């Protein structure tokens, strides 16, 4: 009769291995994401905890797979800040000159920042 010998990562009917594979997929997705730094380090950590009973006959095993991914690259913009009619306003800077039309004949208005004023 052949023995059924498995690695610890194959226990729990393969659920541990499945969690590791899931986190590995997240790592690879993060590597392929153009919004992250290509050369940033990513990490996959698998933690096993073993808790024996008082007689040391049974062992409770928990496994946790966790990935540390690269953060997304920062997004930058610039705002013009000033006052109009006594109220603070901020308008996003764009390459569009005020009054200038785009290729389709439309005048693009820069976005104004939504401000909430405490009164």
Protein backbone atom coordinates (compact mmCIF):
# COMPACT_ATOMS: atom_id res chain seq x y z
CA UNK A 1 0.00 0.00 0.00
CA UNK A 2 1.30 3.42 -1.02
CA UNK A 3 1.69 6.10 1.65
CA UNK A 4 -0.11 9.40 1.16
CA UNK A 5 2.69 11.85 2.05
CA UNK A 6 2.08 15.56 1.46
CA UNK A 7 3.75 18.89 2.14
CA UNK A 8 2.25 21.12 4.84
CA UNK A 9 1.10 23.52 2.10
CA UNK A 10 -0.98 20.71 0.57
CA UNK A 11 -2.89 20.02 3.79
CA UNK A 12 -6.46 21.23 4.44
CA UNK A 13 -7.51 19.65 1.15
CA UNK A 14 -5.26 22.05 -0.75
CA UNK A 15 -6.78 25.21 0.77
CA UNK A 16 -3.42 26.47 2.06
CA UNK A 17 -1.82 26.08 -1.35
CA UNK A 18 -4.84 27.80 -2.92
CA UNK A 19 -4.42 30.84 -0.64
CA UNK A 20 -0.74 31.06 -1.53
CA UNK A 21 -1.61 30.89 -5.24
CA UNK A 22 -4.26 33.59 -4.77
CA UNK A 23 -1.77 35.96 -3.15
CA UNK A 24 0.80 35.15 -5.85
CA UNK A 25 -1.78 36.20 -8.45
CA UNK A 26 -2.17 39.52 -6.63
CA UNK A 27 1.60 40.02 -6.64
CA UNK A 28 1.78 39.37 -10.39
CA UNK A 29 -1.18 41.68 -11.10
CA UNK A 30 0.56 44.39 -9.09
CA UNK A 31 3.81 43.88 -11.02
CA UNK A 32 1.95 44.24 -14.33
CA UNK A 33 0.04 47.35 -13.16
CA UNK A 34 1.50 50.39 -14.95
CA UNK A 35 0.29 52.56 -12.05
CA UNK A 36 2.99 51.06 -9.79
CA UNK A 37 6.77 51.40 -9.84
CA UNK A 38 8.09 48.52 -11.95
CA UNK A 39 11.17 47.85 -9.80
CA UNK A 40 9.45 48.08 -6.41
CA UNK A 41 9.82 45.02 -4.22
CA UNK A 42 6.80 42.87 -3.55
CA UNK A 43 6.56 40.28 -0.79
CA UNK A 44 4.56 37.12 -0.21
CA UNK A 45 4.55 35.91 3.38
CA UNK A 46 3.08 32.64 4.56
CA UNK A 47 2.70 32.28 8.32
CA UNK A 48 1.97 28.97 9.99
CA UNK A 49 0.88 28.81 13.63
CA UNK A 50 1.00 25.52 15.51
CA UNK A 51 -0.88 25.04 18.80
CA UNK A 52 -0.54 21.63 20.49
CA UNK A 53 -3.00 20.35 23.09
CA UNK A 54 -2.00 19.53 26.68
CA UNK A 55 -1.12 15.93 25.84
CA UNK A 56 0.85 16.94 22.74
CA UNK A 57 -1.19 14.52 20.64
CA UNK A 58 -3.16 16.89 18.45
CA UNK A 59 -1.97 20.00 16.76
CA UNK A 60 -4.08 22.92 15.57
CA UNK A 61 -2.54 24.47 12.48
CA UNK A 62 -3.50 27.81 10.94
CA UNK A 63 -1.92 29.24 7.82
CA UNK A 64 -2.13 32.80 6.58
CA UNK A 65 -0.87 34.01 3.20
CA UNK A 66 -0.33 37.75 2.89
CA UNK A 67 1.13 39.84 0.11
CA UNK A 68 2.79 43.23 0.42
CA UNK A 69 2.32 45.05 -2.85
CA UNK A 70 3.81 48.17 -4.36
CA UNK A 71 1.63 51.24 -3.88
CA UNK A 72 0.28 53.02 -6.90
CA UNK A 73 2.35 55.87 -8.27
CA UNK A 74 1.39 59.32 -7.00
CA UNK A 75 -0.76 61.48 -9.26
CA UNK A 76 0.17 65.15 -9.53
CA UNK A 77 -1.79 68.21 -10.55
CA UNK A 78 -1.57 71.92 -9.89
CA UNK A 79 -4.19 74.43 -8.80
CA UNK A 80 -4.56 78.18 -9.23
CA UNK A 81 -5.72 79.59 -5.90
CA UNK A 82 -7.31 82.97 -5.31
CA UNK A 83 -10.42 84.84 -4.24
CA UNK A 84 -13.39 85.77 -6.35
CA UNK A 85 -16.17 87.91 -4.88
CA UNK A 86 -14.61 87.43 -1.44
CA UNK A 87 -14.69 83.63 -1.66
CA UNK A 88 -11.71 81.31 -1.96
CA UNK A 89 -11.54 79.43 -5.24
CA UNK A 90 -9.14 76.86 -6.65
CA UNK A 91 -9.06 75.96 -10.34
CA UNK A 92 -7.05 73.13 -11.83
CA UNK A 93 -4.24 74.25 -14.13
CA UNK A 94 -4.51 72.85 -17.63
CA UNK A 95 -2.61 73.29 -20.87
CA UNK A 96 -5.77 74.84 -22.32
CA UNK A 97 -5.65 78.63 -22.65
CA UNK A 98 -8.92 80.23 -21.46
CA UNK A 99 -11.18 80.88 -24.44
CA UNK A 100 -9.20 78.54 -26.70
CA UNK A 101 -11.12 75.77 -28.49
CA UNK A 102 -10.03 72.15 -28.82
CA UNK A 103 -9.84 70.25 -32.13
CA UNK A 104 -13.61 69.70 -32.06
CA UNK A 105 -14.43 73.40 -31.65
CA UNK A 106 -15.37 73.09 -27.98
CA UNK A 107 -14.08 75.36 -25.27
CA UNK A 108 -12.92 73.27 -22.31
CA UNK A 109 -13.44 74.83 -18.90
CA UNK A 110 -10.91 73.92 -16.18
CA UNK A 111 -12.28 72.01 -13.21
CA UNK A 112 -13.03 74.01 -10.07
CA UNK A 113 -12.22 72.50 -6.70
CA UNK A 114 -15.20 71.80 -4.45
CA UNK A 115 -14.64 73.64 -1.19
CA UNK A 116 -16.57 73.29 2.06
CA UNK A 117 -16.30 76.36 4.23
CA UNK A 118 -16.84 76.19 8.00
CA UNK A 119 -19.14 78.98 9.11
